[in-house]
Each structure stands twice: as C-alpha cells, then as structure tokens.
Amino acid sequence: MTIADLLASAARTDPSRPVVTFYDLESGERIELSLTTTMNWVAKTANMLQDTLGTDDETTVDVLLPLHWETAVWLLAIWVAGSAVSLAPGDRIAVVDPQTMDEAGNADDVVALSLRPLAGRFTTPLPPGVIDYNAEVPSHGDRFTAYYPPSSSTVAVRDDGQVLTHADLVTEAADRYPEGSRVLLVGDRDAGTLMRTMLAVLHAQGSLVLVRSTAPQGDAERIASIAETERVTVR
C-alpha cells in the first residue's frame, strides 16, 4: 500500500468528516478541513509540483515548515506525486516559511508560505524567483493524475541518511491509534512528528487536532480547553 492508497481509502469511507482541525495560538486562527477539502488542496499542490516545478520520482522536496495544516497538505502532495520528502535543506526544491526563508540554500526552486490565516498570500514582496504558494496554487486543477505514480517501494522520506519507503511509513502507521481516534498534536517546528501522526490518523480513520504553540507549557490551559472542546480522545 502507498500513502496515496491510504489517503484514498480514508476518503472513500467518509469524505465529509473533518481530518485536520488546526489552531494557531499566536495568530488566533482556527480552521477545520474535511477529507474532501484536504484532497482538493493536495490535488492542487501535486499539480503545482508536476506542472510548475517539474517533479518526478527522483525528486526530493525539502519541507522546512512548522506544525501547520498547510504542511500536512505539502507532505501528502509530495507523496501522491511520487516524490520524496526531506526535512532538511540541500535539495533542488525547498518549501519555506518566513522563518526558514534563509535556509533554502542553493535550491533551484523556492516556494514560500506566508502561514497567514485563511491561506493568505504574502503582503510584502518576496525575493526574486521565490514563488508565493498561496498566490500560485489556486490556478491548478482540482483533480490529479500522477505522471510517476508511487508504488509501495517508492522512496517517501530521505532524512539524515535514512531512507523510508511508502510501505515503511504505512506499516509504521498501522494500528497506532484505535479506530476513529481524535488525536491532539501540539508543538511548533517538528514536521517529522506531524508526518507520522497524520499517517497514523489516516490509517485509523480518525482526525487530527493540530495546535501550533511556541510555548506549550505556558499555553497549557488554552490547550486543555481546546482538547475538551474538540473532544480529543488521544493526547
């Protein structure tokens, strides 16, 4: 099984159910994405990867992003397109936010996310050649057909010398949570934890409550309130 298969299987079961509910405790944003909406964002982003950035099954994309619903979209889109994810700089394509803009290094293509509420575009000019993701992605198609469809043996992650395939990640995600779990994930810059948690949630036909906080201990009361309001079952 591939991650694309896992996503499609989750969508067939109940496409209208929420799969990601995101809170940003700094900006105050709350947004809830159903599986249908998530797959729409994934399709548009995967089309952008293929048609604008020219990715294939040999491409590794550096995802230099925090815990955020758009990070989840990017991870899924890269895998659906048959490419691999790296969580460190050094490859041809880098996806950054304002905090990691300078980490893109010598990437040929840099895509920047403002991380503003409601997927807002940047309000100030970007460096020459840097693509504003939220300005670019709406023009891409809502349906996606991979030029290089992933298989279970396709590389999904290259990170710190470690190589993981689609089969590795899907197997790791299996049975981590009870079916239908509503899982809370709190943090700031740990996209690796997001990656694994999101796949386990999809496998469990569950949903993810994602809370971005730079100071979880200081935000403990707010986080506890969110967990109660969102009926979290796994923390």
Protein backbone atom coordinates (compact mmCIF):
# COMPACT_ATOMS: atom_id res chain seq x y z
CA MET A 1 0.00 0.00 0.00
CA THR A 2 1.13 3.53 -0.77
CA ILE A 3 0.34 6.75 1.07
CA ALA A 4 -1.81 7.73 -1.91
CA ASP A 5 -3.80 4.50 -1.36
CA LEU A 6 -4.10 5.29 2.35
CA LEU A 7 -5.48 8.75 1.63
CA ALA A 8 -7.91 7.46 -1.00
CA SER A 9 -9.14 4.73 1.35
CA ALA A 10 -9.81 7.27 4.12
CA ALA A 11 -11.72 9.48 1.69
CA ARG A 12 -13.92 6.63 0.46
CA THR A 13 -15.10 5.87 3.99
CA ASP A 14 -16.43 9.32 4.89
CA PRO A 15 -15.14 12.22 2.76
CA SER A 16 -17.11 14.88 4.63
CA ARG A 17 -15.62 14.17 8.07
CA PRO A 18 -13.01 16.56 9.48
CA VAL A 19 -9.48 15.20 9.15
CA VAL A 20 -7.48 18.22 10.39
CA THR A 21 -8.59 20.89 12.84
CA PHE A 22 -5.84 23.49 13.18
CA TYR A 23 -5.28 26.10 15.86
CA ASP A 24 -2.52 28.72 15.82
CA LEU A 25 -2.28 30.12 19.34
CA GLU A 26 -0.28 33.13 18.17
CA SER A 27 -2.50 34.34 15.33
CA GLY A 28 -5.76 33.00 16.77
CA GLU A 29 -6.57 31.09 13.58
CA ARG A 30 -8.84 28.05 13.71
CA ILE A 31 -9.59 26.13 10.56
CA GLU A 32 -11.18 22.73 10.01
CA LEU A 33 -10.56 20.70 6.86
CA SER A 34 -12.69 17.79 5.74
CA LEU A 35 -11.13 14.96 3.77
CA THR A 36 -12.75 16.38 0.62
CA THR A 37 -11.21 19.79 1.20
CA THR A 38 -7.86 18.28 2.12
CA MET A 39 -7.78 16.19 -1.03
CA ASN A 40 -8.63 19.27 -3.09
CA TRP A 41 -5.64 21.12 -1.61
CA VAL A 42 -3.45 18.04 -2.12
CA ALA A 43 -4.50 17.73 -5.77
CA LYS A 44 -3.79 21.41 -6.49
CA THR A 45 -0.41 21.22 -4.77
CA ALA A 46 0.54 17.98 -6.51
CA ASN A 47 -0.38 19.54 -9.87
CA MET A 48 1.80 22.51 -8.97
CA LEU A 49 4.68 20.16 -8.15
CA GLN A 50 4.41 18.37 -11.51
CA ASP A 51 3.48 21.21 -13.82
CA THR A 52 5.30 24.21 -12.33
CA LEU A 53 8.23 22.60 -10.52
CA GLY A 54 8.77 19.60 -12.80
CA THR A 55 8.98 16.93 -10.10
CA ASP A 56 9.33 13.22 -10.80
CA ASP A 57 10.09 10.02 -8.91
CA GLU A 58 13.73 11.08 -8.46
CA THR A 59 12.86 14.43 -6.86
CA THR A 60 13.32 15.20 -3.18
CA VAL A 61 11.50 18.23 -1.80
CA ASP A 62 12.78 19.96 1.33
CA VAL A 63 9.85 20.73 3.63
CA LEU A 64 11.13 23.43 6.00
CA LEU A 65 7.80 24.20 7.64
CA PRO A 66 6.27 24.17 11.14
CA LEU A 67 3.27 22.30 12.51
CA HIS A 68 0.55 23.70 10.27
CA TRP A 69 -2.33 22.41 8.18
CA GLU A 70 -0.55 23.54 5.00
CA THR A 71 2.47 21.45 6.00
CA ALA A 72 0.20 18.40 6.10
CA VAL A 73 -1.03 19.27 2.61
CA TRP A 74 2.51 19.59 1.27
CA LEU A 75 3.66 16.27 2.72
CA LEU A 76 0.69 14.43 1.23
CA ALA A 77 1.03 16.17 -2.14
CA ILE A 78 4.70 15.26 -2.46
CA TRP A 79 3.97 11.61 -1.75
CA VAL A 80 0.94 11.49 -4.05
CA ALA A 81 3.12 12.93 -6.84
CA GLY A 82 5.65 10.12 -6.32
CA SER A 83 8.44 12.30 -4.94
CA ALA A 84 10.26 12.16 -1.60
CA VAL A 85 10.29 14.44 1.43
CA SER A 86 13.34 15.77 3.23
CA LEU A 87 13.05 17.74 6.46
CA ALA A 88 16.42 19.42 5.95
CA PRO A 89 17.80 21.74 3.24
CA GLY A 90 20.06 20.66 0.40
CA ASP A 91 17.83 19.60 -2.49
CA ARG A 92 16.58 21.18 -5.72
CA ILE A 93 13.22 22.31 -4.33
CA ALA A 94 12.68 23.91 -0.93
CA VAL A 95 9.35 24.82 0.66
CA VAL A 96 9.82 27.50 3.31
CA ASP A 97 8.02 29.95 5.58
CA PRO A 98 9.17 33.41 6.73
CA GLN A 99 11.25 31.84 9.50
CA THR A 100 13.12 29.43 7.20
CA MET A 101 13.45 31.58 4.09
CA ASP A 102 17.22 31.83 4.56
CA GLU A 103 17.58 28.04 4.91
CA ALA A 104 16.70 27.27 1.30
CA GLY A 105 20.39 27.42 0.45
CA ASN A 106 21.15 26.71 -3.19
CA ALA A 107 17.75 25.29 -4.10
CA ASP A 108 16.80 25.93 -7.72
CA ASP A 109 13.15 26.47 -6.82
CA VAL A 110 11.91 28.00 -3.59
CA VAL A 111 8.22 28.02 -2.64
CA ALA A 112 7.24 30.23 0.29
CA LEU A 113 4.19 30.03 2.54
CA SER A 114 3.14 33.11 4.48
CA LEU A 115 1.25 30.95 7.06
CA ARG A 116 -1.21 33.82 7.41
CA PRO A 117 -4.78 32.90 8.45
CA LEU A 118 -7.09 31.58 5.73
CA ALA A 119 -4.14 30.72 3.47
CA GLY A 120 -3.33 34.35 2.88
CA ARG A 121 -0.74 35.50 0.38
CA PHE A 122 2.37 37.45 1.36
CA THR A 123 1.66 41.11 1.92
CA THR A 124 5.23 42.22 1.11
CA PRO A 125 7.35 41.41 -1.98
CA LEU A 126 9.28 38.15 -1.95
CA PRO A 127 12.90 37.80 -3.13
CA PRO A 128 13.25 37.41 -6.91
CA GLY A 129 12.36 33.92 -8.11
CA VAL A 130 10.61 32.83 -4.91
CA ILE A 131 7.09 31.52 -5.54
CA ASP A 132 4.24 32.66 -3.30
CA TYR A 133 2.45 29.32 -2.80
CA ASN A 134 -0.93 30.75 -1.87
CA ALA A 135 -0.89 33.07 -4.87
CA GLU A 136 0.13 30.29 -7.26
CA VAL A 137 -1.75 27.18 -6.13
CA PRO A 138 -5.40 28.27 -6.74
CA SER A 139 -4.91 28.19 -10.51
CA HIS A 140 -4.04 24.49 -10.52
CA GLY A 141 -6.51 21.69 -11.15
CA ASP A 142 -8.73 20.08 -8.53
CA ARG A 143 -8.01 16.59 -9.87
CA PHE A 144 -4.60 14.99 -10.03
CA THR A 145 -3.11 12.21 -12.12
CA ALA A 146 0.48 11.33 -11.30
CA TYR A 147 2.98 11.12 -14.14
CA TYR A 148 5.06 8.93 -11.82
CA PRO A 149 2.59 7.03 -9.61
CA PRO A 150 4.23 5.83 -6.39
CA SER A 151 4.49 2.15 -5.52
CA SER A 152 4.96 0.60 -2.10
CA SER A 153 8.73 0.58 -2.72
CA THR A 154 8.92 4.24 -3.80
CA VAL A 155 11.09 6.35 -1.51
CA ALA A 156 8.90 8.63 0.62
CA VAL A 157 11.43 10.18 3.02
CA ARG A 158 15.13 10.94 2.80
CA ASP A 159 16.35 12.43 6.06
CA ASP A 160 19.64 12.28 7.98
CA GLY A 161 20.84 9.41 5.84
CA GLN A 162 17.65 7.45 6.48
CA VAL A 163 15.52 6.28 3.56
CA LEU A 164 11.90 5.24 4.14
CA THR A 165 9.53 3.90 1.51
CA HIS A 166 5.77 4.27 1.26
CA ALA A 167 5.43 0.74 2.62
CA ASP A 168 7.66 1.60 5.59
CA LEU A 169 5.54 4.60 6.55
CA VAL A 170 2.19 2.89 6.02
CA THR A 171 3.30 -0.13 8.07
CA GLU A 172 4.55 2.16 10.83
CA ALA A 173 1.20 4.00 10.85
CA ALA A 174 -0.88 0.82 11.20
CA ASP A 175 -2.75 0.25 14.46
CA ARG A 176 -1.04 3.10 16.30
CA TYR A 177 -4.42 4.55 17.31
CA PRO A 178 -7.84 2.98 17.90
CA GLU A 179 -10.30 3.37 15.04
CA GLY A 180 -11.92 6.79 14.90
CA SER A 181 -9.44 8.42 17.30
CA ARG A 182 -9.35 12.18 17.62
CA VAL A 183 -5.67 12.87 18.19
CA LEU A 184 -4.11 16.02 19.68
CA LEU A 185 -0.68 17.16 18.47
CA VAL A 186 0.92 20.26 19.98
CA GLY A 187 4.21 21.90 19.03
CA ASP A 188 5.93 24.32 16.71
CA ARG A 189 8.67 23.17 14.33
CA ASP A 190 8.51 19.35 14.44
CA ALA A 191 7.25 18.41 10.98
CA GLY A 192 8.60 14.88 11.44
CA THR A 193 6.15 14.22 14.25
CA LEU A 194 3.34 15.71 12.17
CA MET A 195 4.24 13.40 9.29
CA ARG A 196 3.98 10.22 11.35
CA THR A 197 0.96 11.30 13.39
CA MET A 198 -1.00 12.35 10.32
CA LEU A 199 -0.46 8.99 8.60
CA ALA A 200 -1.45 7.08 11.73
CA VAL A 201 -4.62 9.18 11.99
CA LEU A 202 -5.50 8.42 8.36
CA HIS A 203 -4.92 4.71 8.96
CA ALA A 204 -7.25 4.83 11.98
CA GLN A 205 -9.96 6.68 10.03
CA GLY A 206 -9.57 9.34 12.69
CA SER A 207 -8.92 13.05 12.83
CA LEU A 208 -6.11 15.32 13.95
CA VAL A 209 -6.38 18.34 16.21
CA LEU A 210 -3.21 20.28 15.43
CA VAL A 211 -2.21 23.09 17.79
CA ARG A 212 0.72 25.28 16.91
CA SER A 213 2.29 26.72 20.07
CA THR A 214 5.80 28.05 20.62
CA ALA A 215 5.38 27.64 24.39
CA PRO A 216 3.15 24.63 25.18
CA GLN A 217 3.78 24.83 28.92
CA GLY A 218 2.70 28.47 29.04
CA ASP A 219 -0.31 27.66 26.85
CA ALA A 220 -1.32 24.62 28.89
CA GLU A 221 -4.72 25.98 29.95
CA ARG A 222 -5.64 27.03 26.43
CA ILE A 223 -4.52 23.67 25.06
CA ALA A 224 -6.56 21.79 27.69
CA SER A 225 -9.60 23.86 26.76
CA ILE A 226 -9.13 23.08 23.08
CA ALA A 227 -8.77 19.37 23.85
CA GLU A 228 -12.07 19.41 25.75
CA THR A 229 -13.91 21.47 23.14
CA GLU A 230 -12.66 19.28 20.27
CA ARG A 231 -13.40 16.04 22.15
CA VAL A 232 -9.87 14.76 21.84
CA THR A 233 -9.50 11.06 22.67
CA VAL A 234 -5.70 10.67 22.32
CA ARG A 235 -3.14 13.14 23.64
